[in-house]
C-alpha atoms as a PDB file:
ATOM      1  CA  MET A   1      -1.709   5.462  28.604  1.00  0.00           C
ATOM      2  CA  ASN A   2      -2.661   2.105  27.054  1.00  0.00           C
ATOM      3  CA  TYR A   3      -5.494   1.753  24.556  1.00  0.00           C
ATOM      4  CA  TYR A   4      -7.114  -1.284  22.898  1.00  0.00           C
ATOM      5  CA  ILE A   5      -9.014  -1.818  19.645  1.00  0.00           C
ATOM      6  CA  SER A   6      -9.532  -4.494  16.997  1.00  0.00           C
ATOM      7  CA  ASP A   7     -10.998  -5.040  13.546  1.00  0.00           C
ATOM      8  CA  LEU A   8     -10.379  -1.617  12.045  1.00  0.00           C
ATOM      9  CA  HIS A   9     -10.648  -3.172   8.564  1.00  0.00           C
ATOM     10  CA  PHE A  10      -9.139  -0.215   6.745  1.00  0.00           C
ATOM     11  CA  LEU A  11      -9.390  -0.546   2.936  1.00  0.00           C
ATOM     12  CA  HIS A  12     -12.212  -3.115   3.327  1.00  0.00           C
ATOM     13  CA  LYS A  13     -15.328  -1.695   1.677  1.00  0.00           C
ATOM     14  CA  ASN A  14     -17.640  -4.539   2.703  1.00  0.00           C
ATOM     15  CA  CYS A  15     -17.061  -3.987   6.436  1.00  0.00           C
ATOM     16  CA  ILE A  16     -19.401  -0.981   6.368  1.00  0.00           C
ATOM     17  CA  GLN A  17     -22.328  -3.196   5.367  1.00  0.00           C
ATOM     18  CA  PHE A  18     -21.718  -6.326   7.417  1.00  0.00           C
ATOM     19  CA  ASP A  19     -20.905  -4.338  10.563  1.00  0.00           C
ATOM     20  CA  GLU A  20     -23.575  -1.708   9.881  1.00  0.00           C
ATOM     21  CA  ARG A  21     -20.943   0.968  10.461  1.00  0.00           C
ATOM     22  CA  PRO A  22     -22.324   4.518  10.380  1.00  0.00           C
ATOM     23  CA  PHE A  23     -20.373   5.674   7.326  1.00  0.00           C
ATOM     24  CA  SER A  24     -21.427   6.307   3.746  1.00  0.00           C
ATOM     25  CA  ASP A  25     -18.236   4.835   2.248  1.00  0.00           C
ATOM     26  CA  ILE A  26     -14.765   3.522   3.126  1.00  0.00           C
ATOM     27  CA  GLU A  27     -13.134   6.908   2.608  1.00  0.00           C
ATOM     28  CA  GLU A  28     -15.400   8.541   5.201  1.00  0.00           C
ATOM     29  CA  MET A  29     -14.853   5.648   7.623  1.00  0.00           C
ATOM     30  CA  GLN A  30     -11.069   5.891   7.366  1.00  0.00           C
ATOM     31  CA  ARG A  31     -11.063   9.682   7.637  1.00  0.00           C
ATOM     32  CA  VAL A  32     -13.256   9.681  10.762  1.00  0.00           C
ATOM     33  CA  MET A  33     -11.386   6.831  12.435  1.00  0.00           C
ATOM     34  CA  VAL A  34      -7.968   8.404  11.785  1.00  0.00           C
ATOM     35  CA  GLU A  35      -9.227  11.773  13.091  1.00  0.00           C
ATOM     36  CA  LYS A  36     -10.596  10.139  16.265  1.00  0.00           C
ATOM     37  CA  TRP A  37      -7.352   8.203  16.720  1.00  0.00           C
ATOM     38  CA  ASN A  38      -5.061  11.203  16.366  1.00  0.00           C
ATOM     39  CA  ARG A  39      -7.266  13.470  18.485  1.00  0.00           C
ATOM     40  CA  LYS A  40      -7.114  10.998  21.385  1.00  0.00           C
ATOM     41  CA  ILE A  41      -3.685   9.345  21.091  1.00  0.00           C
ATOM     42  CA  THR A  42      -0.350  11.026  21.796  1.00  0.00           C
ATOM     43  CA  ASN A  43       3.024   9.702  20.707  1.00  0.00           C
ATOM     44  CA  GLY A  44       3.604   8.667  24.341  1.00  0.00           C
ATOM     45  CA  ASP A  45       0.563   6.320  24.318  1.00  0.00           C
ATOM     46  CA  THR A  46       0.522   2.629  23.412  1.00  0.00           C
ATOM     47  CA  VAL A  47      -2.264   1.212  21.253  1.00  0.00           C
ATOM     48  CA  TYR A  48      -2.769  -2.545  21.204  1.00  0.00           C
ATOM     49  CA  ILE A  49      -4.468  -3.460  17.929  1.00  0.00           C
ATOM     50  CA  LEU A  50      -5.972  -6.917  18.308  1.00  0.00           C
ATOM     51  CA  GLY A  51      -5.948  -7.848  14.669  1.00  0.00           C
ATOM     52  CA  ASP A  52      -7.392  -6.988  11.303  1.00  0.00           C
ATOM     53  CA  VAL A  53      -5.986  -3.542  10.670  1.00  0.00           C
ATOM     54  CA  SER A  54      -7.018  -3.960   7.061  1.00  0.00           C
ATOM     55  CA  MET A  55      -8.313  -6.396   4.499  1.00  0.00           C
ATOM     56  CA  ARG A  56      -5.089  -6.923   2.552  1.00  0.00           C
ATOM     57  CA  GLY A  57      -5.428  -3.738   0.549  1.00  0.00           C
ATOM     58  CA  LYS A  58      -2.690  -2.213  -1.582  1.00  0.00           C
ATOM     59  CA  LYS A  59       0.403  -2.132   0.594  1.00  0.00           C
ATOM     60  CA  GLU A  60       1.285   1.451  -0.322  1.00  0.00           C
ATOM     61  CA  ASP A  61      -2.187   2.662   0.684  1.00  0.00           C
ATOM     62  CA  LEU A  62      -2.111   0.764   3.969  1.00  0.00           C
ATOM     63  CA  ILE A  63       1.427   1.867   4.813  1.00  0.00           C
ATOM     64  CA  ALA A  64       0.527   5.508   4.144  1.00  0.00           C
ATOM     65  CA  LEU A  65      -2.608   5.263   6.295  1.00  0.00           C
ATOM     66  CA  VAL A  66      -1.041   3.460   9.296  1.00  0.00           C
ATOM     67  CA  ALA A  67       1.956   5.824   9.186  1.00  0.00           C
ATOM     68  CA  THR A  68      -0.411   8.713  10.037  1.00  0.00           C
ATOM     69  CA  LEU A  69      -1.586   7.067  13.280  1.00  0.00           C
ATOM     70  CA  LYS A  70       0.014   8.450  16.441  1.00  0.00           C
ATOM     71  CA  GLY A  71       1.404   6.404  19.306  1.00  0.00           C
ATOM     72  CA  LYS A  72       3.358   3.225  19.843  1.00  0.00           C
ATOM     73  CA  LYS A  73       1.455   0.525  17.951  1.00  0.00           C
ATOM     74  CA  ILE A  74       1.479  -3.140  19.010  1.00  0.00           C
ATOM     75  CA  LEU A  75      -0.155  -5.494  16.502  1.00  0.00           C
ATOM     76  CA  VAL A  76      -1.576  -8.752  17.772  1.00  0.00           C
ATOM     77  CA  LYS A  77      -2.065 -10.253  14.328  1.00  0.00           C
ATOM     78  CA  GLY A  78      -5.445 -11.291  12.987  1.00  0.00           C
ATOM     79  CA  ASN A  79      -6.578 -13.440  10.106  1.00  0.00           C
ATOM     80  CA  HIS A  80      -6.661 -10.493   7.660  1.00  0.00           C
ATOM     81  CA  ASP A  81      -3.282  -9.010   8.563  1.00  0.00           C
ATOM     82  CA  SER A  82      -0.662  -9.455   5.861  1.00  0.00           C
ATOM     83  CA  VAL A  83       2.646  -8.434   7.442  1.00  0.00           C
ATOM     84  CA  GLU A  84       5.343  -9.609   5.008  1.00  0.00           C
ATOM     85  CA  ASP A  85       6.332  -6.127   3.819  1.00  0.00           C
ATOM     86  CA  ASP A  86       9.298  -4.763   5.837  1.00  0.00           C
ATOM     87  CA  ARG A  87       8.037  -1.198   5.399  1.00  0.00           C
ATOM     88  CA  TYR A  88       4.754  -2.162   7.050  1.00  0.00           C
ATOM     89  CA  GLN A  89       6.463  -4.050   9.882  1.00  0.00           C
ATOM     90  CA  GLN A  90       8.479  -0.943  10.763  1.00  0.00           C
ATOM     91  CA  LEU A  91       5.270   0.946  11.607  1.00  0.00           C
ATOM     92  CA  TYR A  92       4.781  -1.263  14.687  1.00  0.00           C
ATOM     93  CA  ASP A  93       6.868  -1.583  17.827  1.00  0.00           C
ATOM     94  CA  THR A  94       5.901  -5.258  18.089  1.00  0.00           C
ATOM     95  CA  MET A  95       3.949  -7.842  16.112  1.00  0.00           C
ATOM     96  CA  CYS A  96       2.791 -11.088  17.696  1.00  0.00           C
ATOM     97  CA  ASP A  97      -0.013 -13.650  17.659  1.00  0.00           C
ATOM     98  CA  TYR A  98      -0.798 -13.475  21.393  1.00  0.00           C
ATOM     99  CA  LYS A  99       0.242 -11.173  24.228  1.00  0.00           C
ATOM    100  CA  GLU A 100      -0.024 -10.997  28.006  1.00  0.00           C
ATOM    101  CA  VAL A 101       0.128  -7.526  29.586  1.00  0.00           C
ATOM    102  CA  GLN A 102      -0.631  -5.716  32.825  1.00  0.00           C
ATOM    103  CA  ASP A 103      -2.809  -2.616  33.065  1.00  0.00           C
ATOM    104  CA  SER A 104      -4.200  -0.719  36.020  1.00  0.00           C
ATOM    105  CA  VAL A 105      -7.403   1.104  36.833  1.00  0.00           C
ATOM    106  CA  ASP A 106      -7.626   3.416  39.832  1.00  0.00           C
ATOM    107  CA  GLY A 107      -4.677   1.715  41.525  1.00  0.00           C
ATOM    108  CA  THR A 108      -5.854  -1.858  40.894  1.00  0.00           C
ATOM    109  CA  ASN A 109      -3.634  -3.996  38.640  1.00  0.00           C
ATOM    110  CA  TYR A 110      -5.156  -6.339  36.070  1.00  0.00           C
ATOM    111  CA  SER A 111      -3.633  -9.175  34.066  1.00  0.00           C
ATOM    112  CA  LEU A 112      -4.825  -9.224  30.466  1.00  0.00           C
ATOM    113  CA  VAL A 113      -4.579 -11.744  27.661  1.00  0.00           C
ATOM    114  CA  LEU A 114      -4.731 -10.113  24.223  1.00  0.00           C
ATOM    115  CA  CYS A 115      -5.678 -12.106  21.128  1.00  0.00           C
ATOM    116  CA  GLN A 116      -7.516 -11.485  17.876  1.00  0.00           C
ATOM    117  CA  TYR A 117      -9.648 -14.534  18.534  1.00  0.00           C
ATOM    118  CA  PRO A 118     -11.973 -15.369  21.421  1.00  0.00           C
ATOM    119  CA  ILE A 119     -10.274 -18.130  23.410  1.00  0.00           C
ATOM    120  CA  PHE A 120     -12.471 -20.697  25.117  1.00  0.00           C
ATOM    121  CA  SER A 121      -9.984 -21.236  27.937  1.00  0.00           C
ATOM    122  CA  TRP A 122      -7.179 -18.724  28.559  1.00  0.00           C
ATOM    123  CA  LYS A 123      -4.399 -18.533  31.134  1.00  0.00           C
ATOM    124  CA  ASN A 124      -5.715 -17.817  34.668  1.00  0.00           C
ATOM    125  CA  MET A 125      -9.204 -17.065  33.358  1.00  0.00           C
ATOM    126  CA  GLY A 126     -10.800 -18.081  36.647  1.00  0.00           C
ATOM    127  CA  ARG A 127      -8.315 -16.189  38.746  1.00  0.00           C
ATOM    128  CA  GLY A 128      -8.953 -12.696  37.452  1.00  0.00           C
ATOM    129  CA  THR A 129      -7.058 -12.565  34.141  1.00  0.00           C
ATOM    130  CA  ILE A 130      -9.284 -10.862  31.565  1.00  0.00           C
ATOM    131  CA  LEU A 131      -9.354 -11.659  27.851  1.00  0.00           C
ATOM    132  CA  LEU A 132      -9.551  -8.820  25.324  1.00  0.00           C
ATOM    133  CA  TYR A 133     -10.333 -10.024  21.814  1.00  0.00           C
ATOM    134  CA  GLY A 134     -11.983  -9.157  18.505  1.00  0.00           C
ATOM    135  CA  HIS A 135     -12.692 -11.126  15.306  1.00  0.00           C
ATOM    136  CA  THR A 136     -16.350 -12.011  15.958  1.00  0.00           C
ATOM    137  CA  HIS A 137     -17.674  -8.484  15.262  1.00  0.00           C
ATOM    138  CA  ASN A 138     -21.408  -8.232  16.087  1.00  0.00           C
ATOM    139  CA  GLY A 139     -22.198 -11.781  15.054  1.00  0.00           C
ATOM    140  CA  LYS A 140     -24.085 -14.593  16.742  1.00  0.00           C
ATOM    141  CA  GLU A 141     -20.713 -16.221  17.324  1.00  0.00           C
ATOM    142  CA  ASP A 142     -19.812 -13.447  19.778  1.00  0.00           C
ATOM    143  CA  ASP A 143     -23.116 -13.762  21.648  1.00  0.00           C
ATOM    144  CA  TYR A 144     -22.594 -17.516  21.925  1.00  0.00           C
ATOM    145  CA  PHE A 145     -19.032 -17.086  23.207  1.00  0.00           C
ATOM    146  CA  GLN A 146     -20.178 -14.660  25.902  1.00  0.00           C
ATOM    147  CA  ARG A 147     -22.981 -17.022  26.984  1.00  0.00           C
ATOM    148  CA  CYS A 148     -20.451 -19.881  27.211  1.00  0.00           C
ATOM    149  CA  ILE A 149     -18.204 -17.836  29.510  1.00  0.00           C
ATOM    150  CA  VAL A 150     -21.131 -17.149  31.853  1.00  0.00           C
ATOM    151  CA  GLN A 151     -22.315 -20.760  31.784  1.00  0.00           C
ATOM    152  CA  MET A 152     -18.838 -22.139  32.508  1.00  0.00           C
ATOM    153  CA  SER A 153     -18.665 -20.110  35.686  1.00  0.00           C
ATOM    154  CA  LYS A 154     -22.189 -21.078  36.785  1.00  0.00           C
ATOM    155  CA  ASN A 155     -22.162 -24.790  36.009  1.00  0.00           C
ATOM    156  CA  GLU A 156     -19.774 -27.724  36.207  1.00  0.00           C
ATOM    157  CA  CYS A 157     -16.639 -25.608  35.754  1.00  0.00           C
ATOM    158  CA  GLY A 158     -17.570 -23.152  38.497  1.00  0.00           C
ATOM    159  CA  HIS A 159     -15.756 -25.018  41.242  1.00  0.00           C
ATOM    160  CA  ILE A 160     -12.350 -24.292  39.691  1.00  0.00           C
ATOM    161  CA  TYR A 161     -12.828 -20.524  39.496  1.00  0.00           C
ATOM    162  CA  ASP A 162     -11.990 -18.030  42.206  1.00  0.00           C
ATOM    163  CA  LYS A 163     -13.518 -15.282  40.058  1.00  0.00           C
ATOM    164  CA  MET A 164     -16.002 -15.243  37.219  1.00  0.00           C
ATOM    165  CA  PRO A 165     -14.163 -15.272  33.882  1.00  0.00           C
ATOM    166  CA  ARG A 166     -14.420 -12.024  31.922  1.00  0.00           C
ATOM    167  CA  ALA A 167     -13.784 -11.482  28.230  1.00  0.00           C
ATOM    168  CA  TYR A 168     -14.410  -8.221  26.374  1.00  0.00           C
ATOM    169  CA  ASN A 169     -14.716  -7.756  22.638  1.00  0.00           C
ATOM    170  CA  VAL A 170     -12.814  -4.581  21.678  1.00  0.00           C
ATOM    171  CA  GLY A 171     -13.922  -4.585  18.047  1.00  0.00           C
ATOM    172  CA  CYS A 172     -14.217  -0.996  16.859  1.00  0.00           C
ATOM    173  CA  MET A 173     -17.780  -1.623  15.634  1.00  0.00           C
ATOM    174  CA  LYS A 174     -19.081  -2.501  19.106  1.00  0.00           C
ATOM    175  CA  PRO A 175     -21.371   0.210  20.555  1.00  0.00           C
ATOM    176  CA  TRP A 176     -19.069   0.843  23.526  1.00  0.00           C
ATOM    177  CA  MET A 177     -16.060   1.241  21.209  1.00  0.00           C
ATOM    178  CA  ASN A 178     -17.713   3.738  18.815  1.00  0.00           C
ATOM    179  CA  ASN A 179     -15.044   3.201  16.142  1.00  0.00           C
ATOM    180  CA  GLU A 180     -12.173   4.343  18.351  1.00  0.00           C
ATOM    181  CA  GLN A 181      -9.632   2.869  20.718  1.00  0.00           C
ATOM    182  CA  ARG A 182     -10.514   2.708  24.415  1.00  0.00           C
ATOM    183  CA  THR A 183      -8.555   2.452  27.649  1.00  0.00           C
ATOM    184  CA  PHE A 184      -8.979  -0.648  29.770  1.00  0.00           C
ATOM    185  CA  LYS A 185     -10.884   1.475  32.304  1.00  0.00           C
ATOM    186  CA  GLU A 186     -13.319   2.568  29.591  1.00  0.00           C
ATOM    187  CA  ASN A 187     -13.814  -1.075  28.606  1.00  0.00           C
ATOM    188  CA  LEU A 188     -14.530  -2.085  32.202  1.00  0.00           C
ATOM    189  CA  GLU A 189     -17.074   0.720  32.557  1.00  0.00           C
ATOM    190  CA  THR A 190     -18.877   0.125  29.265  1.00  0.00           C
ATOM    191  CA  ALA A 191     -18.327  -3.338  27.779  1.00  0.00           C
ATOM    192  CA  GLY A 192     -18.374  -4.885  31.245  1.00  0.00           C
ATOM    193  CA  HIS A 193     -21.962  -3.773  31.770  1.00  0.00           C
ATOM    194  CA  ASN A 194     -23.421  -5.134  28.537  1.00  0.00           C
END
């Protein structure tokens, strides 16, 4: 099974306040998120982390924390990911800045573009390829990006699209993510209706 999530921000105390995360402190947040992760994920699953695993905390602390997370981990690097340490790199099957993958839901195949950042124009966006991203958290920037996607399909750009472009924020702080990784099917059923 494939899962997707972004902006975990482990070791980043301020993320609780600016994301209004439902935790009293960073220790509780990390404990709950690791428990949710390991309850849901098996070592046969793949988790695509779309950036910002942490906020450049102490490497030993981050290495110890990420090492407890089950599954095959693919890191699509974000602006807060510091990946120079070889020990940290070994915790991931792959690290990249951008990734294209296939996933399926109920027998239907989907092409996905994975990036930490919302992309204004991504490969085959008007032909069914869906963007999964993070970075913008719950900010006005994310609302604006989503409105732009809708407007592009309705206005001047609409004639070049076979399908309405879709982009889903998989930031863990989003209501439909509930601070845990989700399958693509779960994202279609929840984020796709917001």
